[in-house]
Amino acid sequence: VGMDMDGIKPFLTYATTATTTSEGEADLKSTAFELGATVALGGDDSVVFNYSSATFNDGTNAGTETGFELGYGTTVGPVALGVGYGSASSSNSDANTTAAADGASQTDIEVKMSYSF
């Protein structure tokens, strides 16, 4: 869901899933959401903020992954420039799951340039 409020574009994404294997083994249930906004700064400049959270449970193990992103974008003539920073962390009850290890964290910086003609 998103809307445009005179230069501010908030958004919300929500999903929930439940999966059962063909052998009727453990169910995997997960829920995730993202909440954020893109804010126009004037001209072609904008800032975006995004917070996300996801939980999972397979009947034996449970965990949570959370993260946030902050980015800035602008255009100069035909060139679009963007830079972003993000961080994510996780916790789970069993390090043998497919999710990241308990207490794991990740940080990244993205720089992007594109040219249109």
PDB file of N, CA and C in Angstrom:
ATOM      1  N   VAL A   1       0.855  -1.159   0.000  1.00  0.00           N
ATOM      2  CA  VAL A   1       0.000   0.000   0.000  1.00  0.00           C
ATOM      3  C   VAL A   1       0.899   1.218   0.000  1.00  0.00           C
ATOM      4  N   GLY A   2       0.611   2.175  -0.822  1.00  0.00           N
ATOM      5  CA  GLY A   2       1.369   3.411  -0.865  1.00  0.00           C
ATOM      6  C   GLY A   2       0.462   4.560  -1.232  1.00  0.00           C
ATOM      7  N   MET A   3       0.904   5.768  -0.964  1.00  0.00           N
ATOM      8  CA  MET A   3       0.134   6.955  -1.330  1.00  0.00           C
ATOM      9  C   MET A   3       1.088   8.113  -1.565  1.00  0.00           C
ATOM     10  N   ASP A   4       0.610   9.131  -2.214  1.00  0.00           N
ATOM     11  CA  ASP A   4       1.403  10.319  -2.488  1.00  0.00           C
ATOM     12  C   ASP A   4       0.781  11.481  -1.735  1.00  0.00           C
ATOM     13  N   MET A   5       1.541  12.055  -0.801  1.00  0.00           N
ATOM     14  CA  MET A   5       1.035  13.142   0.034  1.00  0.00           C
ATOM     15  C   MET A   5       1.885  14.387  -0.183  1.00  0.00           C
ATOM     16  N   ASP A   6       1.753  15.001  -1.346  1.00  0.00           N
ATOM     17  CA  ASP A   6       2.449  16.248  -1.660  1.00  0.00           C
ATOM     18  C   ASP A   6       3.958  16.156  -1.398  1.00  0.00           C
ATOM     19  N   GLY A   7       4.619  15.227  -2.067  1.00  0.00           N
ATOM     20  CA  GLY A   7       6.064  15.095  -1.948  1.00  0.00           C
ATOM     21  C   GLY A   7       6.510  14.036  -0.966  1.00  0.00           C
ATOM     22  N   ILE A   8       5.627  13.520  -0.157  1.00  0.00           N
ATOM     23  CA  ILE A   8       5.951  12.434   0.764  1.00  0.00           C
ATOM     24  C   ILE A   8       5.153  11.215   0.317  1.00  0.00           C
ATOM     25  N   LYS A   9       5.852  10.118   0.069  1.00  0.00           N
ATOM     26  CA  LYS A   9       5.196   8.899  -0.395  1.00  0.00           C
ATOM     27  C   LYS A   9       5.443   7.768   0.612  1.00  0.00           C
ATOM     28  N   PRO A  10       4.571   7.653   1.623  1.00  0.00           N
ATOM     29  CA  PRO A  10       4.732   6.545   2.565  1.00  0.00           C
ATOM     30  C   PRO A  10       4.276   5.231   1.939  1.00  0.00           C
ATOM     31  N   PHE A  11       4.831   4.121   2.434  1.00  0.00           N
ATOM     32  CA  PHE A  11       4.411   2.815   1.926  1.00  0.00           C
ATOM     33  C   PHE A  11       4.448   1.782   3.049  1.00  0.00           C
ATOM     34  N   LEU A  12       3.620   0.771   2.897  1.00  0.00           N
ATOM     35  CA  LEU A  12       3.534  -0.340   3.833  1.00  0.00           C
ATOM     36  C   LEU A  12       3.355  -1.613   3.031  1.00  0.00           C
ATOM     37  N   THR A  13       4.169  -2.601   3.313  1.00  0.00           N
ATOM     38  CA  THR A  13       4.057  -3.909   2.691  1.00  0.00           C
ATOM     39  C   THR A  13       3.939  -4.933   3.801  1.00  0.00           C
ATOM     40  N   TYR A  14       2.991  -5.856   3.675  1.00  0.00           N
ATOM     41  CA  TYR A  14       2.776  -6.886   4.685  1.00  0.00           C
ATOM     42  C   TYR A  14       2.526  -8.212   3.994  1.00  0.00           C
ATOM     43  N   ALA A  15       3.131  -9.273   4.497  1.00  0.00           N
ATOM     44  CA  ALA A  15       2.914 -10.596   3.922  1.00  0.00           C
ATOM     45  C   ALA A  15       2.956 -11.644   5.026  1.00  0.00           C
ATOM     46  N   THR A  16       2.181 -12.677   4.845  1.00  0.00           N
ATOM     47  CA  THR A  16       2.215 -13.814   5.752  1.00  0.00           C
ATOM     48  C   THR A  16       2.084 -15.088   4.917  1.00  0.00           C
ATOM     49  N   THR A  17       2.847 -16.124   5.281  1.00  0.00           N
ATOM     50  CA  THR A  17       2.805 -17.378   4.534  1.00  0.00           C
ATOM     51  C   THR A  17       2.785 -18.555   5.499  1.00  0.00           C
ATOM     52  N   ALA A  18       2.287 -19.665   5.023  1.00  0.00           N
ATOM     53  CA  ALA A  18       2.316 -20.928   5.748  1.00  0.00           C
ATOM     54  C   ALA A  18       2.539 -22.029   4.726  1.00  0.00           C
ATOM     55  N   THR A  19       3.540 -22.866   4.952  1.00  0.00           N
ATOM     56  CA  THR A  19       3.901 -23.900   3.999  1.00  0.00           C
ATOM     57  C   THR A  19       3.983 -25.254   4.700  1.00  0.00           C
ATOM     58  N   THR A  20       3.467 -26.280   4.064  1.00  0.00           N
ATOM     59  CA  THR A  20       3.574 -27.645   4.557  1.00  0.00           C
ATOM     60  C   THR A  20       4.272 -28.467   3.488  1.00  0.00           C
ATOM     61  N   THR A  21       5.229 -29.312   3.885  1.00  0.00           N
ATOM     62  CA  THR A  21       5.930 -30.151   2.920  1.00  0.00           C
ATOM     63  C   THR A  21       5.001 -31.232   2.393  1.00  0.00           C
ATOM     64  N   SER A  22       5.373 -31.836   1.274  1.00  0.00           N
ATOM     65  CA  SER A  22       4.532 -32.875   0.676  1.00  0.00           C
ATOM     66  C   SER A  22       4.432 -34.114   1.567  1.00  0.00           C
ATOM     67  N   GLU A  23       5.411 -34.326   2.453  1.00  0.00           N
ATOM     68  CA  GLU A  23       5.372 -35.456   3.368  1.00  0.00           C
ATOM     69  C   GLU A  23       4.601 -35.115   4.642  1.00  0.00           C
ATOM     70  N   GLY A  24       4.055 -33.916   4.716  1.00  0.00           N
ATOM     71  CA  GLY A  24       3.319 -33.504   5.900  1.00  0.00           C
ATOM     72  C   GLY A  24       4.225 -33.181   7.075  1.00  0.00           C
ATOM     73  N   GLU A  25       5.497 -32.903   6.782  1.00  0.00           N
ATOM     74  CA  GLU A  25       6.444 -32.578   7.844  1.00  0.00           C
ATOM     75  C   GLU A  25       6.198 -31.165   8.349  1.00  0.00           C
ATOM     76  N   ALA A  26       7.176 -30.625   9.031  1.00  0.00           N
ATOM     77  CA  ALA A  26       7.045 -29.347   9.731  1.00  0.00           C
ATOM     78  C   ALA A  26       6.489 -28.236   8.857  1.00  0.00           C
ATOM     79  N   ASP A  27       5.574 -27.498   9.396  1.00  0.00           N
ATOM     80  CA  ASP A  27       5.044 -26.312   8.738  1.00  0.00           C
ATOM     81  C   ASP A  27       6.051 -25.188   8.908  1.00  0.00           C
ATOM     82  N   LEU A  28       6.140 -24.331   7.924  1.00  0.00           N
ATOM     83  CA  LEU A  28       6.941 -23.116   8.038  1.00  0.00           C
ATOM     84  C   LEU A  28       5.988 -21.948   7.936  1.00  0.00           C
ATOM     85  N   LYS A  29       5.965 -21.153   8.966  1.00  0.00           N
ATOM     86  CA  LYS A  29       5.107 -19.973   8.979  1.00  0.00           C
ATOM     87  C   LYS A  29       6.003 -18.747   9.064  1.00  0.00           C
ATOM     88  N   SER A  30       5.679 -17.736   8.264  1.00  0.00           N
ATOM     89  CA  SER A  30       6.461 -16.507   8.317  1.00  0.00           C
ATOM     90  C   SER A  30       5.551 -15.300   8.114  1.00  0.00           C
ATOM     91  N   THR A  31       5.955 -14.219   8.712  1.00  0.00           N
ATOM     92  CA  THR A  31       5.264 -12.946   8.585  1.00  0.00           C
ATOM     93  C   THR A  31       6.320 -11.877   8.400  1.00  0.00           C
ATOM     94  N   ALA A  32       6.063 -10.946   7.492  1.00  0.00           N
ATOM     95  CA  ALA A  32       7.033  -9.879   7.232  1.00  0.00           C
ATOM     96  C   ALA A  32       6.311  -8.587   6.898  1.00  0.00           C
ATOM     97  N   PHE A  33       6.968  -7.469   7.216  1.00  0.00           N
ATOM     98  CA  PHE A  33       6.433  -6.178   6.815  1.00  0.00           C
ATOM     99  C   PHE A  33       7.558  -5.205   6.557  1.00  0.00           C
ATOM    100  N   GLU A  34       7.266  -4.205   5.741  1.00  0.00           N
ATOM    101  CA  GLU A  34       8.154  -3.076   5.490  1.00  0.00           C
ATOM    102  C   GLU A  34       7.344  -1.807   5.674  1.00  0.00           C
ATOM    103  N   LEU A  35       7.949  -0.832   6.273  1.00  0.00           N
ATOM    104  CA  LEU A  35       7.312   0.461   6.490  1.00  0.00           C
ATOM    105  C   LEU A  35       8.338   1.517   6.129  1.00  0.00           C
ATOM    106  N   GLY A  36       7.950   2.466   5.294  1.00  0.00           N
ATOM    107  CA  GLY A  36       8.912   3.464   4.883  1.00  0.00           C
ATOM    108  C   GLY A  36       8.267   4.631   4.180  1.00  0.00           C
ATOM    109  N   ALA A  37       9.128   5.515   3.706  1.00  0.00           N
ATOM    110  CA  ALA A  37       8.650   6.696   2.993  1.00  0.00           C
ATOM    111  C   ALA A  37       9.750   7.212   2.082  1.00  0.00           C
ATOM    112  N   THR A  38       9.321   7.747   0.954  1.00  0.00           N
ATOM    113  CA  THR A  38      10.204   8.486   0.059  1.00  0.00           C
ATOM    114  C   THR A  38       9.789   9.943   0.156  1.00  0.00           C
ATOM    115  N   VAL A  39      10.756  10.811   0.418  1.00  0.00           N
ATOM    116  CA  VAL A  39      10.465  12.235   0.617  1.00  0.00           C
ATOM    117  C   VAL A  39      11.196  13.048  -0.436  1.00  0.00           C
ATOM    118  N   ALA A  40      10.442  13.814  -1.217  1.00  0.00           N
ATOM    119  CA  ALA A  40      11.028  14.707  -2.215  1.00  0.00           C
ATOM    120  C   ALA A  40      11.618  15.914  -1.500  1.00  0.00           C
ATOM    121  N   LEU A  41      12.850  16.277  -1.877  1.00  0.00           N
ATOM    122  CA  LEU A  41      13.523  17.414  -1.237  1.00  0.00           C
ATOM    123  C   LEU A  41      13.499  18.667  -2.091  1.00  0.00           C
ATOM    124  N   GLY A  42      12.887  18.592  -3.233  1.00  0.00           N
ATOM    125  CA  GLY A  42      12.898  19.722  -4.163  1.00  0.00           C
ATOM    126  C   GLY A  42      13.756  19.376  -5.347  1.00  0.00           C
ATOM    127  N   GLY A  43      13.386  19.869  -6.485  1.00  0.00           N
ATOM    128  CA  GLY A  43      14.122  19.505  -7.697  1.00  0.00           C
ATOM    129  C   GLY A  43      13.998  18.019  -7.933  1.00  0.00           C
ATOM    130  N   ASP A  44      15.114  17.380  -8.201  1.00  0.00           N
ATOM    131  CA  ASP A  44      15.116  15.934  -8.441  1.00  0.00           C
ATOM    132  C   ASP A  44      15.734  15.158  -7.284  1.00  0.00           C
ATOM    133  N   ASP A  45      15.878  15.780  -6.119  1.00  0.00           N
ATOM    134  CA  ASP A  45      16.466  15.126  -4.952  1.00  0.00           C
ATOM    135  C   ASP A  45      15.385  14.441  -4.124  1.00  0.00           C
ATOM    136  N   SER A  46      15.742  13.297  -3.544  1.00  0.00           N
ATOM    137  CA  SER A  46      14.806  12.593  -2.666  1.00  0.00           C
ATOM    138  C   SER A  46      15.569  11.768  -1.643  1.00  0.00           C
ATOM    139  N   VAL A  47      14.898  11.483  -0.539  1.00  0.00           N
ATOM    140  CA  VAL A  47      15.426  10.639   0.528  1.00  0.00           C
ATOM    141  C   VAL A  47      14.421   9.518   0.740  1.00  0.00           C
ATOM    142  N   VAL A  48      14.919   8.315   0.993  1.00  0.00           N
ATOM    143  CA  VAL A  48      14.036   7.196   1.276  1.00  0.00           C
ATOM    144  C   VAL A  48      14.468   6.534   2.583  1.00  0.00           C
ATOM    145  N   PHE A  49      13.497   6.164   3.394  1.00  0.00           N
ATOM    146  CA  PHE A  49      13.729   5.434   4.632  1.00  0.00           C
ATOM    147  C   PHE A  49      12.855   4.194   4.613  1.00  0.00           C
ATOM    148  N   ASN A  50      13.416   3.067   5.036  1.00  0.00           N
ATOM    149  CA  ASN A  50      12.687   1.810   5.028  1.00  0.00           C
ATOM    150  C   ASN A  50      13.051   1.006   6.268  1.00  0.00           C
ATOM    151  N   TYR A  51      12.053   0.527   7.012  1.00  0.00           N
ATOM    152  CA  TYR A  51      12.254  -0.372   8.150  1.00  0.00           C
ATOM    153  C   TYR A  51      11.547  -1.678   7.825  1.00  0.00           C
ATOM    154  N   SER A  52      12.200  -2.797   8.083  1.00  0.00           N
ATOM    155  CA  SER A  52      11.583  -4.091   7.782  1.00  0.00           C
ATOM    156  C   SER A  52      11.772  -5.055   8.936  1.00  0.00           C
ATOM    157  N   SER A  53      10.850  -5.977   9.045  1.00  0.00           N
ATOM    158  CA  SER A  53      10.921  -7.017  10.070  1.00  0.00           C
ATOM    159  C   SER A  53      10.276  -8.283   9.525  1.00  0.00           C
ATOM    160  N   ALA A  54      10.882  -9.415   9.816  1.00  0.00           N
ATOM    161  CA  ALA A  54      10.331 -10.702   9.397  1.00  0.00           C
ATOM    162  C   ALA A  54      10.496 -11.700  10.532  1.00  0.00           C
ATOM    163  N   THR A  55       9.476 -12.498  10.763  1.00  0.00           N
ATOM    164  CA  THR A  55       9.543 -13.565  11.763  1.00  0.00           C
ATOM    165  C   THR A  55       9.256 -14.890  11.070  1.00  0.00           C
ATOM    166  N   PHE A  56       9.843 -15.959  11.585  1.00  0.00           N
ATOM    167  CA  PHE A  56       9.584 -17.276  11.045  1.00  0.00           C
ATOM    168  C   PHE A  56       9.487 -18.276  12.191  1.00  0.00           C
ATOM    169  N   ASN A  57       8.759 -19.364  11.932  1.00  0.00           N
ATOM    170  CA  ASN A  57       8.607 -20.420  12.921  1.00  0.00           C
ATOM    171  C   ASN A  57       8.311 -21.710  12.163  1.00  0.00           C
ATOM    172  N   ASP A  58       9.122 -22.738  12.397  1.00  0.00           N
ATOM    173  CA  ASP A  58       8.879 -24.016  11.734  1.00  0.00           C
ATOM    174  C   ASP A  58       8.367 -25.082  12.702  1.00  0.00           C
ATOM    175  N   GLY A  59       7.866 -24.654  13.843  1.00  0.00           N
ATOM    176  CA  GLY A  59       7.367 -25.579  14.842  1.00  0.00           C
ATOM    177  C   GLY A  59       8.413 -25.968  15.852  1.00  0.00           C
ATOM    178  N   THR A  60       9.675 -25.906  15.481  1.00  0.00           N
ATOM    179  CA  THR A  60      10.782 -26.222  16.377  1.00  0.00           C
ATOM    180  C   THR A  60      11.643 -24.996  16.635  1.00  0.00           C
ATOM    181  N   ASN A  61      11.925 -24.276  15.586  1.00  0.00           N
ATOM    182  CA  ASN A  61      12.801 -23.110  15.657  1.00  0.00           C
ATOM    183  C   ASN A  61      12.029 -21.856  15.270  1.00  0.00           C
ATOM    184  N   ALA A  62      12.395 -20.765  15.893  1.00  0.00           N
ATOM    185  CA  ALA A  62      11.763 -19.488  15.591  1.00  0.00           C
ATOM    186  C   ALA A  62      12.837 -18.418  15.525  1.00  0.00           C
ATOM    187  N   GLY A  63      12.562 -17.363  14.778  1.00  0.00           N
ATOM    188  CA  GLY A  63      13.534 -16.289  14.677  1.00  0.00           C
ATOM    189  C   GLY A  63      12.940 -15.025  14.119  1.00  0.00           C
ATOM    190  N   THR A  64      13.744 -13.977  14.186  1.00  0.00           N
ATOM    191  CA  THR A  64      13.341 -12.667  13.698  1.00  0.00           C
ATOM    192  C   THR A  64      14.512 -12.027  12.966  1.00  0.00           C
ATOM    193  N   GLU A  65      14.215 -11.356  11.878  1.00  0.00           N
ATOM    194  CA  GLU A  65      15.210 -10.567  11.157  1.00  0.00           C
ATOM    195  C   GLU A  65      14.660  -9.159  10.993  1.00  0.00           C
ATOM    196  N   THR A  66      15.439  -8.157  11.364  1.00  0.00           N
ATOM    197  CA  THR A  66      15.018  -6.768  11.236  1.00  0.00           C
ATOM    198  C   THR A  66      16.094  -5.985  10.500  1.00  0.00           C
ATOM    199  N   GLY A  67      15.675  -4.894   9.884  1.00  0.00           N
ATOM    200  CA  GLY A  67      16.637  -4.075   9.169  1.00  0.00           C
ATOM    201  C   GLY A  67      16.086  -2.707   8.846  1.00  0.00           C
ATOM    202  N   PHE A  68      16.985  -1.816   8.440  1.00  0.00           N
ATOM    203  CA  PHE A  68      16.566  -0.497   7.978  1.00  0.00           C
ATOM    204  C   PHE A  68      17.486  -0.055   6.859  1.00  0.00           C
ATOM    205  N   GLU A  69      16.977   0.843   6.041  1.00  0.00           N
ATOM    206  CA  GLU A  69      17.745   1.418   4.947  1.00  0.00           C
ATOM    207  C   GLU A  69      17.483   2.907   4.890  1.00  0.00           C
ATOM    208  N   LEU A  70      18.502   3.667   4.539  1.00  0.00           N
ATOM    209  CA  LEU A  70      18.394   5.104   4.352  1.00  0.00           C
ATOM    210  C   LEU A  70      19.133   5.436   3.066  1.00  0.00           C
ATOM    211  N   GLY A  71      18.470   6.158   2.167  1.00  0.00           N
ATOM    212  CA  GLY A  71      19.090   6.457   0.885  1.00  0.00           C
ATOM    213  C   GLY A  71      18.815   7.868   0.410  1.00  0.00           C
ATOM    214  N   TYR A  72      19.662   8.332  -0.489  1.00  0.00           N
ATOM    215  CA  TYR A  72      19.534   9.660  -1.083  1.00  0.00           C
ATOM    216  C   TYR A  72      19.729   9.514  -2.590  1.00  0.00           C
ATOM    217  N   GLY A  73      18.897  10.182  -3.362  1.00  0.00           N
ATOM    218  CA  GLY A  73      19.030  10.137  -4.809  1.00  0.00           C
ATOM    219  C   GLY A  73      18.846  11.503  -5.432  1.00  0.00           C
ATOM    220  N   THR A  74      19.526  11.729  -6.548  1.00  0.00           N
ATOM    221  CA  THR A  74      19.400  12.983  -7.286  1.00  0.00           C
ATOM    222  C   THR A  74      19.679  12.722  -8.763  1.00  0.00           C
ATOM    223  N   THR A  75      19.300  13.646  -9.599  1.00  0.00           N
ATOM    224  CA  THR A  75      19.651  13.572 -11.012  1.00  0.00           C
ATOM    225  C   THR A  75      20.313  14.875 -11.432  1.00  0.00           C
ATOM    226  N   VAL A  76      21.286  14.740 -12.289  1.00  0.00           N
ATOM    227  CA  VAL A  76      21.986  15.885 -12.858  1.00  0.00           C
ATOM    228  C   VAL A  76      21.977  15.667 -14.364  1.00  0.00           C
ATOM    229  N   GLY A  77      21.071  16.376 -15.040  1.00  0.00           N
ATOM    230  CA  GLY A  77      20.914  16.141 -16.468  1.00  0.00           C
ATOM    231  C   GLY A  77      20.482  14.703 -16.700  1.00  0.00           C
ATOM    232  N   PRO A  78      21.203  13.979 -17.567  1.00  0.00           N
ATOM    233  CA  PRO A  78      20.821  12.593 -17.855  1.00  0.00           C
ATOM    234  C   PRO A  78      21.403  11.569 -16.869  1.00  0.00           C
ATOM    235  N   VAL A  79      22.111  12.038 -15.852  1.00  0.00           N
ATOM    236  CA  VAL A  79      22.776  11.140 -14.907  1.00  0.00           C
ATOM    237  C   VAL A  79      21.995  11.090 -13.595  1.00  0.00           C
ATOM    238  N   ALA A  80      21.680   9.879 -13.144  1.00  0.00           N
ATOM    239  CA  ALA A  80      21.032   9.682 -11.852  1.00  0.00           C
ATOM    240  C   ALA A  80      22.067   9.114 -10.885  1.00  0.00           C
ATOM    241  N   LEU A  81      22.155   9.715  -9.709  1.00  0.00           N
ATOM    242  CA  LEU A  81      23.093   9.280  -8.682  1.00  0.00           C
ATOM    243  C   LEU A  81      22.324   8.887  -7.431  1.00  0.00           C
ATOM    244  N   GLY A  82      22.770   7.840  -6.773  1.00  0.00           N
ATOM    245  CA  GLY A  82      22.127   7.406  -5.544  1.00  0.00           C
ATOM    246  C   GLY A  82      23.137   6.809  -4.595  1.00  0.00           C
ATOM    247  N   VAL A  83      22.914   6.997  -3.316  1.00  0.00           N
ATOM    248  CA  VAL A  83      23.746   6.391  -2.291  1.00  0.00           C
ATOM    249  C   VAL A  83      22.820   5.906  -1.179  1.00  0.00           C
ATOM    250  N   GLY A  84      23.132   4.755  -0.622  1.00  0.00           N
ATOM    251  CA  GLY A  84      22.276   4.198   0.413  1.00  0.00           C
ATOM    252  C   GLY A  84      23.089   3.480   1.470  1.00  0.00           C
ATOM    253  N   TYR A  85      22.515   3.390   2.647  1.00  0.00           N
ATOM    254  CA  TYR A  85      23.123   2.691   3.780  1.00  0.00           C
ATOM    255  C   TYR A  85      22.062   1.770   4.363  1.00  0.00           C
ATOM    256  N   GLY A  86      22.442   0.567   4.695  1.00  0.00           N
ATOM    257  CA  GLY A  86      21.489  -0.368   5.276  1.00  0.00           C
ATOM    258  C   GLY A  86      22.132  -1.213   6.348  1.00  0.00           C
ATOM    259  N   SER A  87      21.313  -1.691   7.259  1.00  0.00           N
ATOM    260  CA  SER A  87      21.781  -2.549   8.333  1.00  0.00           C
ATOM    261  C   SER A  87      20.697  -3.570   8.635  1.00  0.00           C
ATOM    262  N   ALA A  88      21.092  -4.799   8.940  1.00  0.00           N
ATOM    263  CA  ALA A  88      20.138  -5.849   9.270  1.00  0.00           C
ATOM    264  C   ALA A  88      20.719  -6.709  10.380  1.00  0.00           C
ATOM    265  N   SER A  89      19.858  -7.245  11.226  1.00  0.00           N
ATOM    266  CA  SER A  89      20.289  -8.153  12.284  1.00  0.00           C
ATOM    267  C   SER A  89      19.263  -9.268  12.432  1.00  0.00           C
ATOM    268  N   SER A  90      19.704 -10.382  13.013  1.00  0.00           N
ATOM    269  CA  SER A  90      18.798 -11.518  13.162  1.00  0.00           C
ATOM    270  C   SER A  90      18.985 -12.184  14.512  1.00  0.00           C
ATOM    271  N   SER A  91      17.946 -12.869  14.920  1.00  0.00           N
ATOM    272  CA  SER A  91      18.010 -13.718  16.101  1.00  0.00           C
ATOM    273  C   SER A  91      17.180 -14.945  15.810  1.00  0.00           C
ATOM    274  N   ASN A  92      17.663 -16.098  16.215  1.00  0.00           N
ATOM    275  CA  ASN A  92      16.872 -17.313  16.060  1.00  0.00           C
ATOM    276  C   ASN A  92      17.251 -18.317  17.133  1.00  0.00           C
ATOM    277  N   SER A  93      16.394 -19.301  17.314  1.00  0.00           N
ATOM    278  CA  SER A  93      16.577 -20.261  18.395  1.00  0.00           C
ATOM    279  C   SER A  93      17.473 -21.430  18.021  1.00  0.00           C
ATOM    280  N   ASP A  94      17.870 -21.529  16.742  1.00  0.00           N
ATOM    281  CA  ASP A  94      18.688 -22.661  16.319  1.00  0.00           C
ATOM    282  C   ASP A  94      19.584 -22.224  15.165  1.00  0.00           C
ATOM    283  N   ALA A  95      20.884 -22.313  15.355  1.00  0.00           N
ATOM    284  CA  ALA A  95      21.831 -21.884  14.320  1.00  0.00           C
ATOM    285  C   ALA A  95      21.826 -22.800  13.097  1.00  0.00           C
ATOM    286  N   ASN A  96      21.132 -23.938  13.157  1.00  0.00           N
ATOM    287  CA  ASN A  96      21.094 -24.864  12.023  1.00  0.00           C
ATOM    288  C   ASN A  96      19.982 -24.550  11.033  1.00  0.00           C
ATOM    289  N   THR A  97      19.233 -23.485  11.248  1.00  0.00           N
ATOM    290  CA  THR A  97      18.157 -23.134  10.327  1.00  0.00           C
ATOM    291  C   THR A  97      18.729 -22.453   9.095  1.00  0.00           C
ATOM    292  N   THR A  98      17.872 -22.207   8.115  1.00  0.00           N
ATOM    293  CA  THR A  98      18.326 -21.539   6.891  1.00  0.00           C
ATOM    294  C   THR A  98      18.473 -20.038   7.087  1.00  0.00           C
ATOM    295  N   ALA A  99      17.982 -19.521   8.196  1.00  0.00           N
ATOM    296  CA  ALA A  99      18.124 -18.087   8.477  1.00  0.00           C
ATOM    297  C   ALA A  99      19.539 -17.802   8.965  1.00  0.00           C
ATOM    298  N   ALA A 100      19.871 -16.534   9.084  1.00  0.00           N
ATOM    299  CA  ALA A 100      21.188 -16.135   9.571  1.00  0.00           C
ATOM    300  C   ALA A 100      21.373 -16.594  11.017  1.00  0.00           C
ATOM    301  N   ALA A 101      22.606 -16.743  11.419  1.00  0.00           N
ATOM    302  CA  ALA A 101      22.919 -17.190  12.772  1.00  0.00           C
ATOM    303  C   ALA A 101      22.405 -16.201  13.809  1.00  0.00           C
ATOM    304  N   ASP A 102      22.149 -16.699  14.992  1.00  0.00           N
ATOM    305  CA  ASP A 102      21.652 -15.876  16.080  1.00  0.00           C
ATOM    306  C   ASP A 102      22.625 -14.730  16.363  1.00  0.00           C
ATOM    307  N   GLY A 103      22.129 -13.525  16.397  1.00  0.00           N
ATOM    308  CA  GLY A 103      22.946 -12.352  16.676  1.00  0.00           C
ATOM    309  C   GLY A 103      23.721 -11.830  15.483  1.00  0.00           C
ATOM    310  N   ALA A 104      23.569 -12.433  14.332  1.00  0.00           N
ATOM    311  CA  ALA A 104      24.298 -11.984  13.138  1.00  0.00           C
ATOM    312  C   ALA A 104      23.804 -10.612  12.701  1.00  0.00           C
ATOM    313  N   SER A 105      24.705  -9.822  12.153  1.00  0.00           N
ATOM    314  CA  SER A 105      24.313  -8.514  11.630  1.00  0.00           C
ATOM    315  C   SER A 105      25.072  -8.246  10.342  1.00  0.00           C
ATOM    316  N   GLN A 106      24.520  -7.362   9.551  1.00  0.00           N
ATOM    317  CA  GLN A 106      25.102  -7.027   8.257  1.00  0.00           C
ATOM    318  C   GLN A 106      24.897  -5.551   8.007  1.00  0.00           C
ATOM    319  N   THR A 107      25.904  -4.901   7.470  1.00  0.00           N
ATOM    320  CA  THR A 107      25.812  -3.493   7.105  1.00  0.00           C
ATOM    321  C   THR A 107      26.309  -3.351   5.675  1.00  0.00           C
ATOM    322  N   ASP A 108      25.627  -2.532   4.886  1.00  0.00           N
ATOM    323  CA  ASP A 108      26.090  -2.325   3.527  1.00  0.00           C
ATOM    324  C   ASP A 108      25.904  -0.878   3.096  1.00  0.00           C
ATOM    325  N   ILE A 109      26.736  -0.485   2.159  1.00  0.00           N
ATOM    326  CA  ILE A 109      26.656   0.840   1.546  1.00  0.00           C
ATOM    327  C   ILE A 109      26.556   0.611   0.042  1.00  0.00           C
ATOM    328  N   GLU A 110      25.617   1.299  -0.582  1.00  0.00           N
ATOM    329  CA  GLU A 110      25.405   1.153  -2.014  1.00  0.00           C
ATOM    330  C   GLU A 110      25.579   2.505  -2.689  1.00  0.00           C
ATOM    331  N   VAL A 111      26.307   2.516  -3.780  1.00  0.00           N
ATOM    332  CA  VAL A 111      26.451   3.708  -4.608  1.00  0.00           C
ATOM    333  C   VAL A 111      26.042   3.309  -6.018  1.00  0.00           C
ATOM    334  N   LYS A 112      25.149   4.079  -6.599  1.00  0.00           N
ATOM    335  CA  LYS A 112      24.612   3.725  -7.908  1.00  0.00           C
ATOM    336  C   LYS A 112      24.620   4.943  -8.819  1.00  0.00           C
ATOM    337  N   MET A 113      25.012   4.730 -10.055  1.00  0.00           N
ATOM    338  CA  MET A 113      24.955   5.792 -11.054  1.00  0.00           C
ATOM    339  C   MET A 113      24.361   5.203 -12.323  1.00  0.00           C
ATOM    340  N   SER A 114      23.428   5.920 -12.939  1.00  0.00           N
ATOM    341  CA  SER A 114      22.870   5.474 -14.215  1.00  0.00           C
ATOM    342  C   SER A 114      22.813   6.663 -15.165  1.00  0.00           C
ATOM    343  N   TYR A 115      22.836   6.344 -16.434  1.00  0.00           N
ATOM    344  CA  TYR A 115      22.831   7.366 -17.470  1.00  0.00           C
ATOM    345  C   TYR A 115      21.701   7.050 -18.442  1.00  0.00           C
ATOM    346  N   SER A 116      20.882   8.034 -18.746  1.00  0.00           N
ATOM    347  CA  SER A 116      19.785   7.855 -19.700  1.00  0.00           C
ATOM    348  C   SER A 116      20.016   8.736 -20.930  1.00  0.00           C
ATOM    349  N   PHE A 117      19.720   8.188 -22.080  1.00  0.00           N
ATOM    350  CA  PHE A 117      19.845   8.975 -23.316  1.00  0.00           C
ATOM    351  C   PHE A 117      18.723   8.652 -24.251  1.00  0.00           C
TER     352      PHE A 117
END
